Amino acid sequence: METDTLYMYNGSSWEAFDTRSGIKNYSLERYQDKLIIASYDLLRIVDEAFQIEQEIDSYGSSPASAMDALLDENGILWIADYYAGMIKRSAPGYFESIKPNGPFTDDVFNMTVNDGSLYVAGGGMKINTGVFNPGEVYIFSDDSWQSIVDYSVRDILSVLSDPLDPKRFYAGSWGHGLLEYYSRELVHHYKESDPSTLQSIYPGDDYIRLGGLAFDSDHNLWITNSGVSSPVSVKKRDGSWKSFPYGTLINAPTITGIIVTQLDHKWLVLPRGFGLFAFDNNGTIDNENDDRFRKFSIIDQDGNTLNDVYSIAEDLEGDIWVGTNQGPLVYYNPENIFLEGTLTAQRIKVPRNDGSGLADYLLGTETITSIAVDGANRKWIGTADAGVFLLTEDGLQEIHHFNESNSPLLSNQIVSIAIDHLSGEVFFGTGKGVISFRSTATGGAGDFRNVYVFPNPVRQDYSGPITITGLVSNVNVKITDISGNIVFETTSLGGQAIWDGRNFSGDRVHSGVYLILCTNEDGSKTHIAKLLFLH
């Protein structure tokens, strides 16, 4: 650690103040004729005669790492500490830690949402190694954070909650195998051959590098395992394991993300210029004779090769979106992935609308670090240094662009995006922590059983949005007065529709009862809800 020395000017010359070595000072402030010096492992209060009046090197049970401090008019000392948060000292020896509810650190690598809870993996990796963060998993549920920090492991890169049992989740680490938690307690640590089929890059040392996790439609858990001869393993629903000897076929040093598509095909991301790998076990995990697989380069419609892959996602129509260092590409016919011949990915061309007849590749100069699809099939696109974009279903129109300068976004570096399809909340994992945005699209329901209108009634002093949620996906929503006159019409965004309470002329509707008529695309499902306006 760098150190420094404080000097004091006595009116004619400079002399060293407190000549002890090994001190790194962060702030020097005057309050009420006291000088307060905040240092990495020491806080000093100096009186008017420049004598050290008090020294604080701990808060009782924890050592001090003061970054700044002030003394208020009541003599209370407030300390901003790097590890302990805000410290309040009301009297000598009486310390109170004041911490805002949040994760233990701002580290983010991967996020997922299940049953209203957000799970954050706080590890990291470099080209050939991890960043040696402790095993960090942070859970946000019911407006509260819980931090799980395991110092016996390092660099958790992926976290996945069990879709059939939200009390269970799995965490994959870069070097320390797979961890299984139940009710947020560690119940199993899967290493090499106990009884998993995971492999260590150094046999016998349990150095197991895991990247991605994904469940298939039969509730089998698929896991990528880098640097070994069998880089794909599956923990089957019955608890048994199997691995696949795809090492030579994949021929890539690192495997990160994995998705399981609607067709139950598995797509793997091979970063650092190695493209993609896909395979299909045809629903027979234990029979490899009917398996299909293919490693392929990403070639666009203009013949360009874009193999530097960072992210992948499947949309609601089954199309595969791939994020590269030159923007996103789309596979519109992913069912053909195992056919012979070149499989072309499409780069979306956005017309310039300047009369030139020219078009530009969608986000063609951006590195796409994360792709998430909301309930309306819109695409949330995270970038390495340009913030977040929300695009229409086809990617041709930009709905939002959030960055540090126009929004509360913590950083333009987006690491991961996760969506709570129950509420529509979108979580952005950035280089400086997690922040969320309450979006307007939710996941569609299978029926109209739980339609909910809020607020209801709408009172005179309310001017916010009126939300109709619990809808079937993409339904037509008509709002009429009690006489049947249509005052508003829209298509729901996934399972949710928003109304501002105004008619087609832009005027706020009158007091009375309004009917909300909902119909799905083929007319086979309908629902009527009532809404009361009060003025």
Protein backbone atom coordinates (compact mmCIF):
# COMPACT_ATOMS: atom_id res chain seq x y z
CA MET A 1 0.00 0.00 0.00
CA GLU A 2 1.22 3.51 -0.79
CA THR A 3 1.99 5.68 2.24
CA ASP A 4 2.50 9.38 2.76
CA THR A 5 3.67 11.88 5.37
CA LEU A 6 1.90 14.98 6.68
CA TYR A 7 3.92 18.20 7.06
CA MET A 8 3.09 21.24 9.20
CA TYR A 9 4.23 24.82 8.56
CA ASN A 10 5.19 26.52 11.82
CA GLY A 11 5.40 30.05 10.38
CA SER A 12 8.96 29.87 9.14
CA SER A 13 9.66 26.30 8.09
CA TRP A 14 8.08 22.92 7.42
CA GLU A 15 8.33 20.02 9.81
CA ALA A 16 6.96 16.50 9.70
CA PHE A 17 3.76 15.90 11.65
CA ASP A 18 3.50 12.44 13.22
CA THR A 19 6.50 10.68 11.70
CA ARG A 20 5.15 7.14 12.05
CA SER A 21 5.54 5.16 8.81
CA GLY A 22 2.98 3.07 6.96
CA ILE A 23 0.08 5.54 7.11
CA LYS A 24 -2.04 6.38 4.07
CA ASN A 25 -4.06 9.58 4.62
CA TYR A 26 -7.36 10.19 2.83
CA SER A 27 -8.82 13.38 4.28
CA LEU A 28 -7.75 16.35 6.37
CA GLU A 29 -10.58 18.55 7.70
CA ARG A 30 -11.11 21.22 10.39
CA TYR A 31 -14.20 21.13 12.59
CA GLN A 32 -14.76 23.27 15.72
CA ASP A 33 -11.08 24.03 16.24
CA LYS A 34 -10.23 20.37 15.81
CA LEU A 35 -8.24 18.88 12.98
CA ILE A 36 -9.52 15.45 11.91
CA ILE A 37 -7.20 13.23 9.89
CA ALA A 38 -8.77 10.14 8.33
CA SER A 39 -6.32 7.41 7.38
CA TYR A 40 -6.52 3.84 6.13
CA ASP A 41 -6.18 2.20 9.54
CA LEU A 42 -6.13 5.16 11.91
CA LEU A 43 -8.22 8.25 12.64
CA ARG A 44 -6.63 11.13 14.55
CA ILE A 45 -8.19 14.17 16.23
CA VAL A 46 -5.73 17.04 16.73
CA ASP A 47 -6.31 19.94 19.13
CA GLU A 48 -5.54 23.66 18.72
CA ALA A 49 -1.99 23.14 19.97
CA PHE A 50 -1.49 20.55 17.19
CA GLN A 51 -1.27 17.76 19.73
CA ILE A 52 -2.92 14.44 19.00
CA GLU A 53 -5.94 14.43 21.27
CA GLN A 54 -7.45 11.10 20.27
CA GLU A 55 -6.58 8.15 18.07
CA ILE A 56 -9.08 5.60 16.81
CA ASP A 57 -7.79 2.38 15.25
CA SER A 58 -10.88 0.22 15.76
CA TYR A 59 -14.60 0.39 16.46
CA GLY A 60 -14.55 -2.32 19.05
CA SER A 61 -14.88 -5.50 17.03
CA SER A 62 -13.70 -4.20 13.66
CA PRO A 63 -10.54 -2.33 12.61
CA ALA A 64 -10.79 1.20 11.31
CA SER A 65 -10.40 2.01 7.60
CA ALA A 66 -11.50 5.64 7.66
CA MET A 67 -11.88 7.50 4.38
CA ASP A 68 -13.39 10.72 5.77
CA ALA A 69 -14.80 12.08 9.03
CA LEU A 70 -16.51 15.11 10.55
CA LEU A 71 -17.40 16.42 13.99
CA ASP A 72 -20.85 17.97 14.32
CA GLU A 73 -22.03 20.77 16.63
CA ASN A 74 -23.14 18.22 19.24
CA GLY A 75 -19.70 16.67 19.47
CA ILE A 76 -20.73 13.52 17.59
CA LEU A 77 -18.04 12.10 15.35
CA TRP A 78 -19.23 10.70 12.01
CA ILE A 79 -16.82 8.41 10.13
CA ALA A 80 -17.07 7.18 6.55
CA ASP A 81 -15.34 3.81 6.70
CA TYR A 82 -14.33 1.73 3.66
CA TYR A 83 -15.51 -1.57 5.16
CA ALA A 84 -17.78 -0.73 8.09
CA GLY A 85 -19.96 1.87 6.36
CA MET A 86 -21.05 4.93 8.33
CA ILE A 87 -19.82 4.97 11.94
CA LYS A 88 -21.39 7.18 14.58
CA ARG A 89 -19.36 7.82 17.74
CA SER A 90 -21.50 9.61 20.32
CA ALA A 91 -18.90 9.31 23.11
CA PRO A 92 -15.42 7.81 23.45
CA GLY A 93 -15.70 4.05 23.08
CA TYR A 94 -19.34 4.08 21.90
CA PHE A 95 -19.55 3.23 18.20
CA GLU A 96 -22.65 2.56 16.12
CA SER A 97 -22.48 1.18 12.59
CA ILE A 98 -25.08 2.63 10.21
CA LYS A 99 -25.28 0.67 6.98
CA PRO A 100 -27.82 1.19 4.20
CA ASN A 101 -29.48 -2.02 3.15
CA GLY A 102 -27.48 -3.33 0.24
CA PRO A 103 -25.05 -6.01 -0.94
CA PHE A 104 -21.71 -6.40 0.79
CA THR A 105 -19.84 -5.09 -2.29
CA ASP A 106 -20.73 -3.62 -5.68
CA ASP A 107 -19.23 -6.60 -7.55
CA VAL A 108 -21.43 -7.97 -10.35
CA PHE A 109 -20.75 -10.59 -13.01
CA ASN A 110 -24.07 -12.33 -13.61
CA MET A 111 -27.69 -11.91 -12.44
CA THR A 112 -30.94 -13.85 -12.61
CA VAL A 113 -34.48 -13.41 -11.28
CA ASN A 114 -36.89 -16.09 -10.08
CA ASP A 115 -40.13 -15.83 -8.12
CA GLY A 116 -39.62 -12.12 -7.43
CA SER A 117 -36.06 -12.50 -6.09
CA LEU A 118 -32.89 -11.17 -7.74
CA TYR A 119 -29.69 -13.23 -7.48
CA VAL A 120 -26.32 -11.59 -8.12
CA ALA A 121 -23.01 -13.40 -8.69
CA GLY A 122 -20.13 -11.18 -7.61
CA GLY A 123 -17.11 -12.93 -9.13
CA GLY A 124 -14.99 -12.02 -12.11
CA MET A 125 -12.50 -13.34 -14.60
CA LYS A 126 -9.62 -12.20 -16.75
CA ILE A 127 -8.17 -13.87 -19.84
CA ASN A 128 -6.54 -16.81 -18.09
CA THR A 129 -7.58 -16.46 -14.48
CA GLY A 130 -10.18 -15.10 -12.09
CA VAL A 131 -10.00 -11.85 -10.17
CA PHE A 132 -9.97 -13.75 -6.84
CA ASN A 133 -13.07 -12.18 -5.33
CA PRO A 134 -14.43 -14.28 -2.46
CA GLY A 135 -17.51 -16.39 -3.21
CA GLU A 136 -20.12 -13.62 -3.37
CA VAL A 137 -23.86 -14.15 -3.92
CA TYR A 138 -26.28 -11.32 -3.17
CA ILE A 139 -30.07 -11.82 -3.00
CA PHE A 140 -32.62 -9.01 -3.27
CA SER A 141 -36.07 -10.05 -2.13
CA ASP A 142 -38.99 -8.18 -0.49
CA ASP A 143 -37.05 -4.90 -0.76
CA SER A 144 -34.16 -6.29 1.29
CA TRP A 145 -30.67 -7.56 0.48
CA GLN A 146 -28.90 -10.59 1.90
CA SER A 147 -25.19 -11.15 1.32
CA ILE A 148 -23.64 -14.60 1.20
CA VAL A 149 -19.83 -14.37 1.19
CA ASP A 150 -17.84 -17.60 1.29
CA TYR A 151 -14.10 -17.04 1.67
CA SER A 152 -13.31 -20.71 1.01
CA VAL A 153 -14.15 -20.27 -2.70
CA ARG A 154 -13.42 -17.61 -5.29
CA ASP A 155 -15.10 -15.92 -8.25
CA ILE A 156 -18.71 -17.03 -8.56
CA LEU A 157 -19.53 -16.29 -12.20
CA SER A 158 -23.06 -17.67 -12.51
CA VAL A 159 -26.06 -18.06 -10.26
CA LEU A 160 -29.35 -19.79 -11.09
CA SER A 161 -32.47 -20.32 -9.02
CA ASP A 162 -34.42 -23.57 -9.34
CA PRO A 163 -37.61 -22.81 -11.31
CA LEU A 164 -39.50 -25.60 -9.50
CA ASP A 165 -38.27 -24.77 -6.01
CA PRO A 166 -37.29 -21.11 -5.43
CA LYS A 167 -35.70 -22.02 -2.09
CA ARG A 168 -32.91 -23.77 -4.02
CA PHE A 169 -30.25 -22.06 -6.12
CA TYR A 170 -26.91 -22.97 -7.66
CA ALA A 171 -23.70 -20.95 -7.98
CA GLY A 172 -20.92 -21.80 -10.42
CA SER A 173 -17.40 -20.65 -9.57
CA TRP A 174 -14.31 -20.10 -11.68
CA GLY A 175 -12.02 -22.62 -10.01
CA HIS A 176 -14.02 -24.05 -7.11
CA GLY A 177 -16.83 -26.09 -8.62
CA LEU A 178 -20.60 -25.85 -8.11
CA LEU A 179 -22.32 -24.79 -4.91
CA GLU A 180 -25.92 -25.74 -4.10
CA TYR A 181 -27.89 -23.67 -1.58
CA TYR A 182 -31.24 -24.36 0.05
CA SER A 183 -33.03 -21.73 2.12
CA ARG A 184 -29.86 -19.70 1.52
CA GLU A 185 -27.66 -22.23 3.31
CA LEU A 186 -24.93 -24.21 1.54
CA VAL A 187 -26.08 -27.84 1.31
CA HIS A 188 -23.62 -29.29 -1.21
CA HIS A 189 -20.31 -28.36 -2.83
CA TYR A 190 -19.87 -30.33 -6.06
CA LYS A 191 -16.26 -30.96 -6.93
CA GLU A 192 -14.50 -33.53 -9.06
CA SER A 193 -16.16 -36.97 -8.79
CA ASP A 194 -18.20 -36.42 -5.62
CA PRO A 195 -20.54 -37.52 -7.26
CA SER A 196 -20.45 -34.97 -10.07
CA THR A 197 -18.83 -35.39 -13.47
CA LEU A 198 -17.21 -31.95 -13.22
CA GLN A 199 -13.52 -31.95 -14.11
CA SER A 200 -10.53 -30.02 -12.77
CA ILE A 201 -7.95 -28.55 -15.12
CA TYR A 202 -5.41 -29.89 -12.61
CA PRO A 203 -6.60 -33.44 -11.82
CA GLY A 204 -6.76 -34.00 -8.10
CA ASP A 205 -6.64 -30.29 -7.18
CA ASP A 206 -10.36 -29.55 -7.58
CA TYR A 207 -9.63 -26.52 -9.74
CA ILE A 208 -12.93 -26.62 -11.62
CA ARG A 209 -13.73 -23.64 -13.89
CA LEU A 210 -17.47 -23.26 -14.39
CA GLY A 211 -19.05 -20.63 -16.61
CA GLY A 212 -22.75 -20.97 -17.41
CA LEU A 213 -25.78 -22.69 -15.85
CA ALA A 214 -29.15 -23.42 -17.47
CA PHE A 215 -32.17 -25.66 -16.82
CA ASP A 216 -33.89 -27.48 -19.67
CA SER A 217 -37.61 -28.27 -20.01
CA ASP A 218 -37.18 -31.54 -18.08
CA HIS A 219 -35.52 -29.76 -15.15
CA ASN A 220 -32.02 -31.02 -15.90
CA LEU A 221 -29.25 -28.58 -14.95
CA TRP A 222 -26.64 -27.98 -17.68
CA ILE A 223 -23.18 -26.66 -16.76
CA THR A 224 -20.19 -25.47 -18.80
CA ASN A 225 -16.76 -26.57 -17.55
CA SER A 226 -13.78 -24.87 -19.21
CA GLY A 227 -10.36 -26.28 -20.01
CA VAL A 228 -11.20 -30.00 -19.73
CA SER A 229 -11.92 -32.94 -22.04
CA SER A 230 -15.63 -33.08 -21.12
CA PRO A 231 -16.60 -29.39 -20.96
CA VAL A 232 -20.35 -29.94 -20.62
CA SER A 233 -21.98 -31.69 -17.66
CA VAL A 234 -25.58 -32.18 -16.68
CA LYS A 235 -27.04 -32.77 -13.24
CA LYS A 236 -30.15 -34.72 -14.10
CA ARG A 237 -33.48 -34.31 -12.41
CA ASP A 238 -32.97 -37.55 -10.48
CA GLY A 239 -29.66 -36.24 -9.07
CA SER A 240 -27.34 -38.37 -11.24
CA TRP A 241 -24.71 -36.78 -13.47
CA LYS A 242 -23.40 -37.17 -17.01
CA SER A 243 -20.69 -35.38 -18.97
CA PHE A 244 -20.15 -34.92 -22.71
CA PRO A 245 -16.69 -35.29 -24.31
CA TYR A 246 -16.93 -32.19 -26.50
CA GLY A 247 -13.49 -30.83 -25.63
CA THR A 248 -11.90 -31.54 -29.01
CA LEU A 249 -14.99 -30.39 -30.91
CA ILE A 250 -15.25 -27.12 -29.01
CA ASN A 251 -11.47 -26.51 -29.04
CA ALA A 252 -11.71 -23.26 -27.10
CA PRO A 253 -9.98 -22.27 -23.85
CA THR A 254 -13.07 -20.75 -22.24
CA ILE A 255 -16.82 -21.39 -22.23
CA THR A 256 -19.03 -18.83 -20.54
CA GLY A 257 -22.76 -18.55 -21.14
CA ILE A 258 -25.16 -21.37 -22.03
CA ILE A 259 -28.83 -21.14 -22.99
CA VAL A 260 -31.40 -23.88 -23.53
CA THR A 261 -33.79 -22.92 -26.31
CA GLN A 262 -37.50 -23.63 -26.77
CA LEU A 263 -36.41 -26.57 -28.93
CA ASP A 264 -34.25 -27.82 -26.03
CA HIS A 265 -31.12 -27.13 -28.05
CA LYS A 266 -28.12 -25.95 -26.05
CA TRP A 267 -26.07 -22.97 -27.30
CA LEU A 268 -22.69 -22.19 -25.75
CA VAL A 269 -20.71 -18.94 -25.91
CA LEU A 270 -17.01 -19.36 -26.74
CA PRO A 271 -15.44 -15.94 -26.03
CA ARG A 272 -12.17 -14.48 -27.26
CA GLY A 273 -12.92 -15.11 -30.92
CA PHE A 274 -14.01 -18.76 -30.90
CA GLY A 275 -17.65 -18.25 -31.90
CA LEU A 276 -20.48 -20.56 -30.81
CA PHE A 277 -21.15 -24.23 -30.16
CA ALA A 278 -24.59 -25.89 -30.22
CA PHE A 279 -25.75 -29.41 -29.49
CA ASP A 280 -28.97 -31.39 -29.20
CA ASN A 281 -29.25 -34.60 -27.18
CA ASN A 282 -32.68 -35.35 -28.67
CA GLY A 283 -34.22 -35.79 -25.26
CA THR A 284 -32.06 -38.85 -24.55
CA ILE A 285 -29.28 -37.69 -22.27
CA ASP A 286 -27.79 -41.14 -21.77
CA ASN A 287 -27.81 -42.09 -25.47
CA GLU A 288 -25.09 -40.16 -27.30
CA ASN A 289 -25.69 -41.97 -30.61
CA ASP A 290 -28.55 -39.67 -31.62
CA ASP A 291 -26.85 -36.44 -30.54
CA ARG A 292 -26.25 -33.57 -32.95
CA PHE A 293 -23.62 -30.88 -32.46
CA ARG A 294 -21.88 -28.11 -34.33
CA LYS A 295 -19.23 -25.48 -33.72
CA PHE A 296 -19.61 -22.51 -36.02
CA SER A 297 -18.43 -19.03 -36.81
CA ILE A 298 -20.88 -16.13 -36.81
CA ILE A 299 -21.18 -14.97 -40.41
CA ASP A 300 -23.54 -12.14 -41.29
CA GLN A 301 -25.56 -11.60 -44.49
CA ASP A 302 -22.72 -9.57 -45.97
CA GLY A 303 -20.14 -12.31 -45.46
CA ASN A 304 -18.44 -10.73 -42.45
CA THR A 305 -17.21 -12.99 -39.63
CA LEU A 306 -17.89 -11.75 -36.11
CA ASN A 307 -16.62 -14.36 -33.67
CA ASP A 308 -15.92 -12.15 -30.64
CA VAL A 309 -19.03 -13.13 -28.66
CA TYR A 310 -20.06 -11.65 -25.29
CA SER A 311 -23.73 -12.54 -24.79
CA ILE A 312 -26.64 -14.60 -26.08
CA ALA A 313 -30.42 -14.75 -25.54
CA GLU A 314 -33.51 -16.34 -27.08
CA ASP A 315 -36.54 -14.13 -27.67
CA LEU A 316 -40.20 -15.04 -27.34
CA GLU A 317 -40.42 -16.06 -31.02
CA GLY A 318 -37.51 -18.49 -30.65
CA ASP A 319 -35.00 -16.27 -32.49
CA ILE A 320 -31.45 -16.28 -31.08
CA TRP A 321 -29.82 -12.89 -30.43
CA VAL A 322 -26.02 -12.86 -30.15
CA GLY A 323 -24.01 -9.95 -28.77
CA THR A 324 -20.58 -9.32 -30.32
CA ASN A 325 -17.97 -6.57 -30.30
CA GLN A 326 -19.68 -5.16 -33.41
CA GLY A 327 -23.27 -5.09 -32.23
CA PRO A 328 -26.00 -7.76 -32.12
CA LEU A 329 -26.89 -10.40 -34.71
CA VAL A 330 -29.98 -12.57 -34.98
CA TYR A 331 -30.52 -16.19 -36.07
CA TYR A 332 -34.10 -16.22 -37.37
CA ASN A 333 -34.13 -19.95 -38.16
CA PRO A 334 -32.23 -21.55 -35.28
CA GLU A 335 -33.96 -24.89 -35.92
CA ASN A 336 -31.63 -25.23 -38.94
CA ILE A 337 -28.48 -24.96 -36.88
CA PHE A 338 -27.46 -28.59 -37.43
CA LEU A 339 -28.02 -28.64 -41.20
CA GLU A 340 -24.99 -28.73 -43.44
CA GLY A 341 -23.79 -25.54 -45.06
CA THR A 342 -23.30 -22.00 -43.88
CA LEU A 343 -25.76 -20.69 -41.33
CA THR A 344 -26.16 -16.96 -41.75
CA ALA A 345 -26.88 -14.56 -38.92
CA GLN A 346 -28.60 -11.29 -39.71
CA ARG A 347 -27.27 -7.91 -38.66
CA ILE A 348 -30.15 -5.48 -38.34
CA LYS A 349 -29.79 -2.52 -40.64
CA VAL A 350 -31.39 0.69 -39.40
CA PRO A 351 -32.31 3.20 -42.17
CA ARG A 352 -30.79 6.62 -41.72
CA ASN A 353 -33.99 8.43 -42.77
CA ASP A 354 -31.95 11.26 -44.25
CA GLY A 355 -32.95 10.73 -47.86
CA SER A 356 -29.70 8.93 -48.70
CA GLY A 357 -31.29 5.47 -48.85
CA LEU A 358 -28.44 4.19 -46.68
CA ALA A 359 -28.59 2.22 -43.45
CA ASP A 360 -26.30 1.47 -40.53
CA TYR A 361 -25.76 -1.75 -38.61
CA LEU A 362 -27.66 -1.68 -35.32
CA LEU A 363 -25.19 -0.62 -32.60
CA GLY A 364 -22.42 -1.67 -34.97
CA THR A 365 -19.70 0.13 -33.01
CA GLU A 366 -20.71 -1.24 -29.59
CA THR A 367 -19.66 -4.31 -27.64
CA ILE A 368 -22.87 -6.04 -26.53
CA THR A 369 -22.22 -7.43 -23.07
CA SER A 370 -25.77 -8.46 -22.17
CA ILE A 371 -29.13 -9.12 -23.88
CA ALA A 372 -32.45 -9.60 -22.06
CA VAL A 373 -35.94 -10.01 -23.50
CA ASP A 374 -38.97 -8.59 -21.70
CA GLY A 375 -42.59 -9.75 -21.70
CA ALA A 376 -43.37 -7.72 -24.84
CA ASN A 377 -40.44 -9.34 -26.71
CA ARG A 378 -38.56 -6.05 -26.60
CA LYS A 379 -34.78 -6.24 -26.35
CA TRP A 380 -32.76 -4.74 -23.52
CA ILE A 381 -29.20 -4.36 -24.78
CA GLY A 382 -26.28 -3.73 -22.42
CA THR A 383 -22.98 -2.37 -23.74
CA ALA A 384 -19.39 -2.19 -22.54
CA ASP A 385 -19.27 1.60 -22.33
CA ALA A 386 -22.43 3.15 -23.82
CA GLY A 387 -25.06 2.23 -21.25
CA VAL A 388 -28.36 0.43 -21.94
CA PHE A 389 -30.67 0.45 -24.96
CA LEU A 390 -34.29 -0.70 -25.07
CA LEU A 391 -35.28 -1.67 -28.61
CA THR A 392 -38.56 -2.65 -30.19
CA GLU A 393 -39.27 -6.31 -30.89
CA ASP A 394 -37.55 -6.17 -34.30
CA GLY A 395 -34.69 -3.97 -33.08
CA LEU A 396 -35.41 -1.21 -35.61
CA GLN A 397 -36.54 1.45 -33.16
CA GLU A 398 -34.93 2.75 -30.00
CA ILE A 399 -37.37 3.24 -27.12
CA HIS A 400 -34.88 4.21 -24.40
CA HIS A 401 -31.17 4.84 -24.15
CA PHE A 402 -29.97 5.14 -20.57
CA ASN A 403 -26.47 6.32 -19.71
CA GLU A 404 -24.70 8.13 -16.88
CA SER A 405 -25.49 11.60 -18.23
CA ASN A 406 -29.26 11.24 -18.83
CA SER A 407 -30.34 8.83 -16.07
CA PRO A 408 -29.39 7.53 -12.60
CA LEU A 409 -27.49 4.65 -14.26
CA LEU A 410 -24.45 4.01 -12.06
CA SER A 411 -22.03 3.30 -14.91
CA ASN A 412 -22.03 3.06 -18.68
CA GLN A 413 -20.36 -0.34 -18.29
CA ILE A 414 -23.18 -2.89 -18.27
CA VAL A 415 -22.19 -6.35 -17.08
CA SER A 416 -25.54 -8.13 -16.81
CA ILE A 417 -29.29 -7.47 -17.21
CA ALA A 418 -32.07 -9.42 -15.48
CA ILE A 419 -35.83 -8.89 -15.68
CA ASP A 420 -38.50 -9.66 -13.10
CA HIS A 421 -41.31 -10.72 -15.40
CA LEU A 422 -43.83 -10.57 -12.55
CA SER A 423 -43.38 -6.85 -11.91
CA GLY A 424 -41.63 -5.66 -15.07
CA GLU A 425 -38.66 -4.37 -13.07
CA VAL A 426 -35.39 -4.46 -15.02
CA PHE A 427 -32.12 -4.81 -13.09
CA PHE A 428 -28.86 -3.49 -14.53
CA GLY A 429 -25.59 -4.91 -13.19
CA THR A 430 -22.92 -2.31 -13.85
CA GLY A 431 -19.26 -1.75 -13.12
CA LYS A 432 -20.39 0.17 -10.03
CA GLY A 433 -23.17 -2.03 -8.70
CA VAL A 434 -26.86 -2.77 -9.35
CA ILE A 435 -29.67 -0.36 -10.17
CA SER A 436 -33.17 -1.02 -11.47
CA PHE A 437 -35.83 0.56 -13.69
CA ARG A 438 -39.56 -0.11 -13.39
CA SER A 439 -40.53 -0.91 -16.95
CA THR A 440 -43.99 -1.27 -18.49
CA ALA A 441 -43.82 -4.87 -19.78
CA THR A 442 -44.48 -8.00 -17.74
CA GLY A 443 -44.63 -11.67 -18.62
CA GLY A 444 -47.95 -12.78 -20.06
CA ALA A 445 -50.21 -15.09 -18.07
CA GLY A 446 -51.78 -18.27 -19.41
CA ASP A 447 -55.27 -16.94 -18.73
CA PHE A 448 -57.11 -13.93 -17.29
CA ARG A 449 -57.52 -15.45 -13.84
CA ASN A 450 -55.51 -12.80 -11.93
CA VAL A 451 -56.27 -9.52 -13.76
CA TYR A 452 -55.65 -6.55 -11.47
CA VAL A 453 -56.26 -2.84 -12.02
CA PHE A 454 -54.39 -0.26 -9.95
CA PRO A 455 -55.35 2.21 -8.67
CA ASN A 456 -59.05 1.45 -8.50
CA PRO A 457 -60.85 3.71 -7.86
CA VAL A 458 -58.87 6.54 -9.47
CA ARG A 459 -59.31 9.59 -7.25
CA GLN A 460 -59.20 13.24 -8.24
CA ASP A 461 -55.73 13.90 -6.83
CA TYR A 462 -54.13 10.96 -8.70
CA SER A 463 -52.36 11.79 -11.97
CA GLY A 464 -50.05 8.80 -12.45
CA PRO A 465 -50.40 5.78 -14.73
CA ILE A 466 -53.24 3.29 -14.39
CA THR A 467 -51.94 -0.27 -14.66
CA ILE A 468 -53.87 -3.30 -15.88
CA THR A 469 -51.78 -6.37 -15.11
CA GLY A 470 -52.16 -10.16 -15.07
CA LEU A 471 -53.15 -10.20 -18.75
CA VAL A 472 -52.51 -12.80 -21.42
CA SER A 473 -49.60 -11.73 -23.64
CA ASN A 474 -50.12 -8.95 -26.16
CA VAL A 475 -53.90 -8.62 -25.84
CA ASN A 476 -56.03 -5.88 -27.34
CA VAL A 477 -57.29 -3.61 -24.57
CA LYS A 478 -60.27 -1.31 -25.12
CA ILE A 479 -61.53 1.02 -22.42
CA THR A 480 -65.11 2.26 -22.76
CA ASP A 481 -67.52 4.31 -20.72
CA ILE A 482 -70.67 2.66 -19.40
CA SER A 483 -72.49 3.58 -22.66
CA GLY A 484 -69.95 1.68 -24.76
CA ASN A 485 -68.02 4.69 -26.15
CA ILE A 486 -64.34 3.83 -26.59
CA VAL A 487 -62.09 6.32 -24.78
CA PHE A 488 -58.76 4.46 -25.12
CA GLU A 489 -57.29 1.47 -26.95
CA THR A 490 -53.89 -0.17 -26.81
CA THR A 491 -52.03 -3.48 -27.03
CA SER A 492 -50.61 -4.81 -23.79
CA LEU A 493 -46.86 -5.03 -23.35
CA GLY A 494 -46.66 -8.71 -22.53
CA GLY A 495 -49.05 -9.12 -19.62
CA GLN A 496 -49.50 -5.46 -18.72
CA ALA A 497 -51.21 -2.39 -20.19
CA ILE A 498 -50.79 1.22 -19.11
CA TRP A 499 -53.35 4.05 -19.40
CA ASP A 500 -52.88 7.69 -18.43
CA GLY A 501 -56.58 8.21 -17.74
CA ARG A 502 -57.11 10.42 -20.79
CA ASN A 503 -59.29 9.97 -23.87
CA PHE A 504 -58.23 10.17 -27.52
CA SER A 505 -58.41 13.98 -27.35
CA GLY A 506 -55.99 14.09 -24.46
CA ASP A 507 -58.60 15.12 -21.90
CA ARG A 508 -58.94 13.44 -18.52
CA VAL A 509 -62.06 11.28 -18.54
CA HIS A 510 -65.11 12.17 -16.48
CA SER A 511 -66.23 10.53 -13.27
CA GLY A 512 -67.94 7.20 -13.71
CA VAL A 513 -67.51 3.50 -14.25
CA TYR A 514 -65.34 2.35 -17.17
CA LEU A 515 -65.12 -1.10 -18.70
CA ILE A 516 -61.78 -2.65 -19.64
CA LEU A 517 -62.31 -5.15 -22.48
CA CYS A 518 -59.40 -7.56 -23.08
CA THR A 519 -59.13 -9.95 -26.03
CA ASN A 520 -56.22 -12.11 -27.13
CA GLU A 521 -55.00 -12.25 -30.75
CA ASP A 522 -57.34 -14.99 -32.00
CA GLY A 523 -60.31 -13.98 -29.85
CA SER A 524 -60.33 -17.25 -27.94
CA LYS A 525 -59.74 -15.60 -24.56
CA THR A 526 -61.59 -12.52 -23.29
CA HIS A 527 -61.98 -10.68 -20.03
CA ILE A 528 -63.85 -7.63 -18.73
CA ALA A 529 -62.70 -5.57 -15.76
CA LYS A 530 -64.27 -2.46 -14.22
CA LEU A 531 -62.60 0.79 -13.20
CA LEU A 532 -64.11 3.69 -11.24
CA PHE A 533 -63.07 7.32 -11.76
CA LEU A 534 -63.89 9.81 -9.00
CA HIS A 535 -63.67 13.58 -9.36
